[in-house]
Amino acid sequence: MSSKATIVCMLLLMTSLAGCTADAVDDTHTFAGEWTGLGGSPMVFIETSAGGCDTTWDADLGIAVNTIDCTGAGVGKTVMTWNYTFVSEVLFMQTTQTSVTDSDGNTTSTNVSNATLCAAYVPRDIAPDEASWKEELNAVTWPIYCTDILGL
């Protein structure tokens, strides 16, 4: 597989797993609450510190930065930058930059801001399953940077 294809596959996986489950972000955070994502799966955005890894989400003015810092565990650090937009209740996210630092301190960065594939999340109380998630996504106008949505 070419390196571009590998990067795209990694981004698709990371986009679909943007939050996963664990310690949810604070109730005052922009991404607080339970969400429905790809395939109707439940999702929360996490911030945690365990086993030498710290996971944080910083979101402000349409830019979100997710940092997974496992340098304390001797593994390295990943920083992903996203564009995000709320349209009505729907949260759209586009990965724009990925930076990976290995345990030796070597950093590789990839700019993917030209990719127009986005993740989309709907509050779980509005869309508890895949059918209602799709319905909500199709009921709003997508941000200009999203021409495709992962899972549609």
Protein backbone atom coordinates (compact mmCIF):
# COMPACT_ATOMS: atom_id res chain seq x y z
CA MET A 1 0.00 0.00 0.00
CA SER A 2 1.38 3.46 -0.86
CA SER A 3 2.18 5.88 1.94
CA LYS A 4 -0.68 8.18 0.86
CA ALA A 5 -3.13 5.28 1.00
CA THR A 6 -1.80 4.28 4.41
CA ILE A 7 -2.23 7.83 5.69
CA VAL A 8 -5.76 8.02 4.33
CA CYS A 9 -6.63 4.69 6.00
CA MET A 10 -5.18 5.91 9.31
CA LEU A 11 -7.13 9.16 9.06
CA LEU A 12 -10.34 7.32 8.33
CA LEU A 13 -9.83 5.14 11.37
CA MET A 14 -8.89 8.08 13.60
CA THR A 15 -11.80 10.14 12.29
CA SER A 16 -14.28 7.38 13.01
CA LEU A 17 -12.80 6.92 16.47
CA ALA A 18 -12.35 10.59 17.30
CA GLY A 19 -13.68 10.19 20.79
CA CYS A 20 -14.30 6.52 21.63
CA THR A 21 -15.27 5.96 25.26
CA ALA A 22 -13.58 6.59 28.62
CA ASP A 23 -13.51 9.72 30.81
CA ALA A 24 -15.71 12.22 29.00
CA VAL A 25 -14.64 15.82 28.55
CA ASP A 26 -15.90 18.28 31.14
CA ASP A 27 -19.58 19.26 30.91
CA THR A 28 -18.59 22.78 29.85
CA HIS A 29 -16.47 21.56 26.91
CA THR A 30 -17.59 22.33 23.35
CA PHE A 31 -17.81 18.58 22.62
CA ALA A 32 -19.46 17.55 25.92
CA GLY A 33 -22.19 14.96 25.99
CA GLU A 34 -23.01 11.70 24.28
CA TRP A 35 -22.91 11.63 20.50
CA THR A 36 -23.97 9.28 17.74
CA GLY A 37 -21.38 8.73 15.04
CA LEU A 38 -20.57 6.44 12.15
CA GLY A 39 -22.89 3.44 11.95
CA GLY A 40 -25.04 4.74 14.80
CA SER A 41 -22.30 4.03 17.32
CA PRO A 42 -22.33 5.88 20.64
CA MET A 43 -19.35 8.13 21.25
CA VAL A 44 -17.99 10.62 23.77
CA PHE A 45 -14.91 12.81 23.48
CA ILE A 46 -12.38 11.86 26.14
CA GLU A 47 -9.73 13.53 28.19
CA THR A 48 -7.77 11.28 30.45
CA SER A 49 -4.44 10.72 32.12
CA ALA A 50 -3.49 7.10 32.71
CA GLY A 51 -0.58 4.73 32.18
CA GLY A 52 1.83 7.46 31.10
CA CYS A 53 -0.56 8.84 28.47
CA ASP A 54 -2.49 12.11 28.54
CA THR A 55 -5.36 12.70 26.14
CA THR A 56 -6.76 16.20 25.68
CA TRP A 57 -9.19 18.03 23.40
CA ASP A 58 -8.85 21.78 22.89
CA ALA A 59 -11.55 23.45 20.80
CA ASP A 60 -11.90 27.11 19.96
CA LEU A 61 -13.17 29.17 17.04
CA GLY A 62 -13.69 26.22 14.69
CA ILE A 63 -10.29 24.58 15.30
CA ALA A 64 -9.94 21.49 17.52
CA VAL A 65 -6.69 19.89 18.62
CA ASN A 66 -6.62 16.35 19.98
CA THR A 67 -3.36 15.44 21.70
CA ILE A 68 -2.48 11.92 22.78
CA ASP A 69 0.80 12.28 24.63
CA CYS A 70 2.35 8.97 25.64
CA THR A 71 5.91 10.22 25.99
CA GLY A 72 5.66 9.35 29.69
CA ALA A 73 5.14 5.73 28.66
CA GLY A 74 8.02 5.88 26.18
CA VAL A 75 5.73 5.58 23.18
CA GLY A 76 5.52 9.06 21.62
CA LYS A 77 2.93 11.70 20.90
CA THR A 78 0.18 12.23 18.32
CA VAL A 79 -1.44 15.59 17.65
CA MET A 80 -4.40 15.85 15.29
CA THR A 81 -5.86 19.17 14.21
CA TRP A 82 -9.43 19.45 12.96
CA ASN A 83 -11.77 22.01 11.49
CA TYR A 84 -15.11 21.77 13.23
CA THR A 85 -18.48 23.35 12.63
CA PHE A 86 -21.87 22.97 14.25
CA VAL A 87 -24.78 23.11 11.83
CA SER A 88 -27.89 23.10 13.95
CA GLU A 89 -27.10 20.26 16.40
CA VAL A 90 -24.78 18.37 14.03
CA LEU A 91 -21.02 18.51 14.66
CA PHE A 92 -18.89 18.21 11.52
CA MET A 93 -15.15 17.53 11.81
CA GLN A 94 -12.46 17.52 9.13
CA THR A 95 -8.92 16.37 9.89
CA THR A 96 -6.46 18.99 8.63
CA GLN A 97 -3.11 18.05 10.17
CA THR A 98 -1.55 15.03 11.84
CA SER A 99 1.74 15.13 13.67
CA VAL A 100 3.36 12.02 15.14
CA THR A 101 6.46 12.12 17.33
CA ASP A 102 8.08 8.76 18.02
CA SER A 103 9.85 7.75 21.21
CA ASP A 104 13.18 9.00 19.76
CA GLY A 105 11.76 12.50 19.23
CA ASN A 106 11.44 12.24 15.45
CA THR A 107 8.33 14.08 14.20
CA THR A 108 6.39 13.43 11.01
CA SER A 109 3.62 15.83 10.04
CA THR A 110 1.03 15.40 7.33
CA ASN A 111 -1.19 18.16 6.00
CA VAL A 112 -4.50 16.70 4.83
CA SER A 113 -6.53 19.91 4.71
CA ASN A 114 -7.40 19.22 1.08
CA ALA A 115 -9.27 16.03 2.08
CA THR A 116 -12.99 16.77 2.10
CA LEU A 117 -14.09 13.61 3.93
CA CYS A 118 -15.54 14.54 7.31
CA ALA A 119 -16.79 12.85 10.43
CA ALA A 120 -20.19 13.94 11.70
CA TYR A 121 -21.78 13.54 15.12
CA VAL A 122 -25.31 14.14 16.37
CA PRO A 123 -26.31 14.37 20.04
CA ARG A 124 -27.40 10.89 21.13
CA ASP A 125 -30.76 12.13 22.45
CA ILE A 126 -31.61 13.43 18.96
CA ALA A 127 -30.22 10.50 16.94
CA PRO A 128 -29.91 7.28 18.95
CA ASP A 129 -29.29 5.03 15.94
CA GLU A 130 -27.83 4.95 12.45
CA ALA A 131 -31.11 5.73 10.65
CA SER A 132 -31.79 8.87 12.69
CA TRP A 133 -28.10 9.88 12.46
CA LYS A 134 -28.30 9.73 8.65
CA GLU A 135 -31.60 11.59 8.69
CA GLU A 136 -30.11 14.43 10.76
CA LEU A 137 -27.03 14.67 8.52
CA ASN A 138 -29.15 14.85 5.40
CA ALA A 139 -31.41 17.52 6.93
CA VAL A 140 -28.68 20.18 7.20
CA THR A 141 -26.32 21.94 4.82
CA TRP A 142 -22.81 20.58 5.27
CA PRO A 143 -19.83 22.89 5.74
CA ILE A 144 -18.04 23.75 2.51
CA TYR A 145 -15.03 21.64 3.53
CA CYS A 146 -17.18 18.47 3.73
CA THR A 147 -18.13 16.93 0.41
CA ASP A 148 -18.42 13.42 1.87
CA ILE A 149 -19.29 12.13 5.31
CA LEU A 150 -17.68 9.00 6.71
CA GLY A 151 -20.43 6.36 6.84
CA LEU A 152 -22.87 7.90 4.33
